Protein backbone atom coordinates (compact mmCIF):
# COMPACT_ATOMS: atom_id res chain seq x y z
CA MET A 1 0.00 0.00 0.00
CA MET A 2 1.20 3.53 -0.79
CA THR A 3 2.52 5.42 2.22
CA PRO A 4 1.04 8.84 3.16
CA LEU A 5 4.35 10.53 2.31
CA ARG A 6 4.50 8.92 -1.13
CA PHE A 7 0.82 9.77 -1.71
CA GLU A 8 1.45 13.42 -0.87
CA GLN A 9 4.56 13.62 -3.04
CA LEU A 10 2.77 12.00 -5.96
CA TYR A 11 -0.19 14.42 -6.03
CA GLN A 12 1.32 17.57 -4.49
CA ASP A 13 1.71 19.31 -7.86
CA GLU A 14 -1.93 18.67 -8.77
CA TRP A 15 -3.16 20.09 -5.47
CA THR A 16 -1.01 23.19 -5.89
CA GLU A 17 -2.26 23.66 -9.46
CA LEU A 18 -5.88 23.26 -8.35
CA GLU A 19 -5.39 25.80 -5.58
CA GLY A 20 -3.91 28.23 -8.08
CA LEU A 21 -6.80 27.81 -10.51
CA LEU A 22 -9.33 28.29 -7.71
CA ASP A 23 -7.59 31.46 -6.53
CA GLN A 24 -7.41 32.69 -10.10
CA ALA A 25 -11.07 31.98 -10.77
CA GLY A 26 -12.07 33.62 -7.51
CA GLY A 27 -10.08 36.76 -8.28
CA ARG A 28 -7.93 36.34 -5.17
CA ARG A 29 -4.66 36.87 -6.98
CA ARG A 30 -3.71 40.14 -8.54
CA GLY A 31 -2.15 40.20 -11.93
CA THR A 32 -3.50 36.81 -13.00
CA PRO A 33 -5.42 36.32 -16.25
CA ALA A 34 -9.18 36.71 -16.01
CA SER A 35 -9.86 33.50 -17.90
CA THR A 36 -9.41 30.12 -16.29
CA SER A 37 -9.24 26.71 -17.94
CA GLY A 38 -12.59 25.30 -16.88
CA ALA A 39 -11.86 21.87 -18.34
CA ARG A 40 -8.56 21.60 -16.46
CA LEU A 41 -10.12 22.80 -13.22
CA ALA A 42 -12.95 20.26 -13.54
CA ALA A 43 -10.48 17.45 -14.26
CA LEU A 44 -8.36 18.33 -11.23
CA TYR A 45 -11.52 18.55 -9.11
CA ARG A 46 -12.58 15.03 -10.13
CA ARG A 47 -9.10 13.70 -9.37
CA ALA A 48 -9.06 15.45 -5.99
CA CYS A 49 -12.39 13.79 -5.15
CA GLU A 50 -10.90 10.40 -5.98
CA GLN A 51 -7.80 11.16 -3.93
CA LEU A 52 -9.93 12.30 -1.00
CA ALA A 53 -11.84 9.02 -1.08
CA LEU A 54 -8.56 7.09 -1.08
CA ALA A 55 -7.12 9.17 1.76
CA ARG A 56 -10.19 8.54 3.88
CA ALA A 57 -10.33 4.83 3.08
CA ARG A 58 -6.64 4.38 3.97
CA SER A 59 -6.84 6.55 7.11
CA TYR A 60 -4.11 8.92 5.99
CA PRO A 61 -3.08 11.75 8.35
CA ALA A 62 -5.70 14.39 9.08
CA TYR A 63 -3.75 17.25 7.46
CA ILE A 64 -3.89 15.48 4.07
CA VAL A 65 -7.61 14.75 4.38
CA ASP A 66 -8.32 18.31 5.56
CA ARG A 67 -6.46 19.82 2.63
CA LEU A 68 -8.30 17.68 0.12
CA GLU A 69 -11.64 18.46 1.77
CA ARG A 70 -10.94 22.20 1.50
CA LEU A 71 -9.91 21.87 -2.14
CA THR A 72 -12.90 19.79 -3.18
CA THR A 73 -15.31 22.01 -1.25
CA ARG A 74 -14.00 25.17 -2.90
CA ALA A 75 -14.03 23.58 -6.34
CA HIS A 76 -17.55 22.23 -5.85
CA GLN A 77 -18.85 25.63 -4.82
CA LEU A 78 -17.21 27.25 -7.84
CA ILE A 79 -18.31 24.66 -10.42
CA TYR A 80 -21.83 24.09 -9.13
CA ARG A 81 -22.68 27.57 -7.94
CA ARG A 82 -26.22 28.58 -8.67
CA ARG A 83 -26.79 30.50 -11.87
CA GLU A 84 -29.88 32.40 -12.84
CA LEU A 85 -32.02 30.76 -15.47
CA GLY A 86 -33.10 32.69 -18.52
CA LEU A 87 -33.85 32.61 -22.21
CA THR A 88 -30.18 33.03 -23.08
CA GLN A 89 -29.17 29.91 -21.18
CA LEU A 90 -32.07 27.98 -22.69
CA LYS A 91 -30.99 29.08 -26.17
CA ASP A 92 -27.39 28.07 -25.44
CA LEU A 93 -28.55 24.69 -24.15
CA ILE A 94 -30.51 23.93 -27.32
CA ALA A 95 -28.22 25.51 -29.90
CA ARG A 96 -24.79 24.78 -28.41
CA ASP A 97 -24.56 22.59 -25.30
CA LEU A 98 -26.83 19.72 -26.40
CA PRO A 99 -25.33 19.33 -29.91
CA ARG A 100 -21.85 19.51 -28.40
CA ALA A 101 -22.72 16.81 -25.85
CA VAL A 102 -24.15 14.58 -28.58
CA ARG A 103 -20.98 14.90 -30.67
CA ALA A 104 -18.78 14.30 -27.63
CA ASN A 105 -20.66 11.06 -26.89
CA LEU A 106 -21.01 9.92 -30.49
CA PRO A 107 -20.04 6.25 -29.81
CA TYR A 108 -22.91 5.91 -27.32
CA VAL A 109 -25.34 7.71 -29.63
CA THR A 110 -24.33 5.51 -32.56
CA THR A 111 -24.75 2.35 -30.52
CA ALA A 112 -28.14 3.43 -29.18
CA THR A 113 -29.29 4.31 -32.70
CA ALA A 114 -28.25 0.92 -34.07
CA VAL A 115 -29.87 -1.00 -31.20
CA PHE A 116 -33.13 0.87 -31.82
CA ILE A 117 -33.16 0.98 -35.63
CA VAL A 118 -32.04 -2.57 -36.47
CA PRO A 119 -34.97 -4.32 -34.69
CA THR A 120 -37.30 -1.71 -36.18
CA LEU A 121 -36.26 -2.56 -39.72
CA VAL A 122 -36.04 -6.33 -39.20
CA LEU A 123 -39.45 -6.67 -37.52
CA GLY A 124 -40.99 -4.22 -39.99
CA VAL A 125 -39.96 -6.30 -42.99
CA LEU A 126 -40.83 -9.64 -41.40
CA VAL A 127 -44.29 -8.56 -40.28
CA TYR A 128 -44.97 -6.88 -43.62
CA TRP A 129 -44.35 -10.14 -45.47
CA GLN A 130 -46.08 -12.26 -42.81
CA PRO A 131 -48.66 -10.09 -41.00
CA GLU A 132 -49.63 -12.95 -38.68
CA LEU A 133 -46.25 -12.51 -36.95
CA ILE A 134 -47.70 -9.43 -35.26
CA LEU A 135 -49.30 -11.84 -32.78
CA SER A 136 -45.83 -12.79 -31.56
CA VAL A 137 -45.32 -9.17 -30.51
CA VAL A 138 -48.79 -8.10 -29.30
CA ASP A 139 -52.12 -9.81 -28.72
CA SER A 140 -55.00 -9.67 -31.18
CA ASP A 141 -56.88 -6.95 -29.25
CA THR A 142 -53.89 -4.60 -29.37
CA ALA A 143 -53.37 -5.24 -33.08
CA SER A 144 -57.06 -4.52 -33.74
CA SER A 145 -56.83 -1.37 -31.64
CA PHE A 146 -53.96 -0.01 -33.72
CA GLU A 147 -55.74 -0.93 -36.93
CA GLU A 148 -58.77 1.01 -35.73
CA MET A 149 -56.63 4.01 -34.66
CA TYR A 150 -55.15 4.44 -38.14
CA SER A 151 -58.20 3.57 -40.18
CA PRO A 152 -59.17 6.30 -42.70
CA THR A 153 -62.66 6.23 -41.17
CA ALA A 154 -61.39 6.96 -37.64
CA ALA A 155 -62.77 10.14 -36.08
CA SER A 156 -59.24 11.19 -35.10
CA ILE A 157 -56.17 9.46 -36.52
CA GLY A 158 -53.89 7.99 -33.87
CA ARG A 159 -56.28 8.49 -30.96
CA VAL A 160 -56.25 5.69 -28.40
CA ARG A 161 -59.55 4.32 -27.12
CA GLU A 162 -58.99 5.76 -23.64
CA ALA A 163 -58.62 9.31 -24.97
CA SER A 164 -61.95 10.98 -25.66
CA THR A 165 -60.48 14.43 -26.40
CA ASP A 166 -57.41 15.83 -28.15
CA TRP A 167 -56.00 17.00 -24.81
CA MET A 168 -56.31 13.52 -23.33
CA MET A 169 -54.60 12.06 -26.39
CA PHE A 170 -51.84 14.67 -26.11
CA GLY A 171 -51.34 13.77 -22.46
CA PHE A 172 -51.26 10.06 -23.27
CA TYR A 173 -48.48 10.43 -25.83
CA ILE A 174 -46.46 12.78 -23.64
CA ARG A 175 -46.66 10.36 -20.70
CA ASN A 176 -45.83 7.38 -22.90
CA ASN A 177 -42.83 9.02 -24.57
CA ILE A 178 -41.39 10.31 -21.29
CA SER A 179 -41.83 6.85 -19.76
CA VAL A 180 -40.00 5.18 -22.64
CA ALA A 181 -37.16 7.72 -22.56
CA PHE A 182 -36.82 7.34 -18.79
CA GLN A 183 -36.73 3.55 -19.07
CA CYS A 184 -33.97 3.77 -21.68
CA TYR A 185 -31.96 6.09 -19.44
CA ALA A 186 -32.55 4.41 -16.07
CA GLY A 187 -31.81 1.01 -17.60
CA GLY A 188 -28.17 2.08 -17.58
CA LEU A 189 -28.13 1.36 -13.84
CA PHE A 190 -28.09 -2.35 -14.73
CA ALA A 191 -24.69 -2.08 -16.44
CA GLY A 192 -26.42 -0.83 -19.58
CA LEU A 193 -28.33 -4.08 -20.14
CA GLY A 194 -31.65 -2.47 -19.27
CA THR A 195 -30.99 0.30 -21.77
CA LEU A 196 -30.19 -2.20 -24.53
CA PHE A 197 -33.37 -4.12 -23.75
CA PHE A 198 -35.72 -1.12 -23.80
CA LEU A 199 -34.15 0.31 -26.96
CA ALA A 200 -34.44 -3.01 -28.79
CA TYR A 201 -37.94 -3.72 -27.44
CA ASN A 202 -39.38 -0.35 -28.44
CA GLY A 203 -37.69 -0.54 -31.81
CA ALA A 204 -39.11 -4.02 -32.41
CA PHE A 205 -42.58 -2.94 -31.27
CA GLY A 206 -42.63 0.10 -33.54
CA GLY A 207 -41.26 -1.86 -36.49
CA ALA A 208 -43.79 -4.67 -36.05
CA MET A 209 -46.66 -2.18 -35.93
CA ALA A 210 -45.36 -0.34 -38.99
CA GLY A 211 -45.07 -3.59 -40.95
CA PHE A 212 -48.52 -4.75 -39.86
CA LEU A 213 -50.30 -1.49 -40.68
CA THR A 214 -48.48 -1.21 -44.00
CA ALA A 215 -49.57 -4.72 -44.92
CA ARG A 216 -53.14 -3.78 -43.99
CA GLY A 217 -53.08 -0.88 -46.45
CA LEU A 218 -52.96 1.86 -43.79
CA SER A 219 -49.57 3.29 -44.70
CA SER A 220 -50.93 6.69 -45.77
CA THR A 221 -52.61 7.44 -42.44
CA PHE A 222 -49.96 5.74 -40.29
CA TYR A 223 -46.85 7.31 -41.80
CA SER A 224 -48.38 10.76 -42.11
CA PHE A 225 -49.16 10.62 -38.38
CA VAL A 226 -45.76 9.22 -37.42
CA ALA A 227 -43.86 11.76 -39.53
CA THR A 228 -45.11 14.61 -37.35
CA HIS A 229 -43.97 12.92 -34.14
CA ALA A 230 -41.04 10.59 -34.82
CA ALA A 231 -38.43 13.28 -35.48
CA PHE A 232 -38.67 14.46 -31.87
CA GLU A 233 -39.77 11.28 -30.09
CA ILE A 234 -37.27 8.84 -31.59
CA THR A 235 -34.44 11.37 -31.26
CA ALA A 236 -35.28 11.82 -27.57
CA ILE A 237 -35.43 8.06 -27.00
CA VAL A 238 -32.08 7.49 -28.71
CA ILE A 239 -30.37 10.30 -26.78
CA ALA A 240 -31.82 8.99 -23.50
CA GLY A 241 -30.57 5.54 -24.45
CA ALA A 242 -27.11 6.95 -25.21
CA ALA A 243 -27.05 8.54 -21.75
CA GLY A 244 -28.06 5.20 -20.24
CA LEU A 245 -25.27 3.39 -22.09
CA ARG A 246 -22.73 5.95 -20.90
CA MET A 247 -23.93 5.50 -17.32
CA GLY A 248 -23.75 1.72 -17.64
CA HIS A 249 -20.24 1.95 -19.08
CA ALA A 250 -19.18 4.19 -16.21
CA LEU A 251 -20.40 1.58 -13.73
CA LEU A 252 -18.38 -1.13 -15.45
CA ALA A 253 -15.28 1.01 -16.02
CA PRO A 254 -15.28 3.95 -13.57
């Protein structure tokens, strides 16, 4: 096991650098640049948190633990300090932060997309050529319900039987989509296996329904309805799944 002296010598330069960045960011030093490397400060903060956990677990001397506690507390207060919400931050989130996060996590997004799309296409083609296969995905009542929802004679295309008004139908789809997205994200807690399951299941379900309704001659009503929703809903599900996969990966390889 590493001795306290060796531990301190090994990480002393990082602690000094973190202290300097915190002083610089807080304006406590005169003559220092106004800008501070946020990425470097955040990286040193994460490492200091890890080092603090090690120091506590190994019962290192109190002065080492106290120093790391002061550093991590100051860094936490600086990084996570409360900021006022506003339209500018919302615009930045949509136009800059979210696209940047998606690009930074492209491997997870690509994997989530493939896990969702491949079952969609496979089940869609299979059920289109053999519509009776829909019964291996849903029961006959559910299949009939979807056929009724997208019938050209339906009073309102895409309305479920439980929804008697447009507002109820709107609420149903919002609740359903949020539930699916949350399942795909929270499934990451099971080492990502839950995320993979929910992505594949929802992709297979949607593909099977698309193939069945297309085979039944309802493609015009079904796809016109889906086109107005899928761009947002499927994108949200895939991004939630990507976040779940990243969380699951972090659990396996911290």
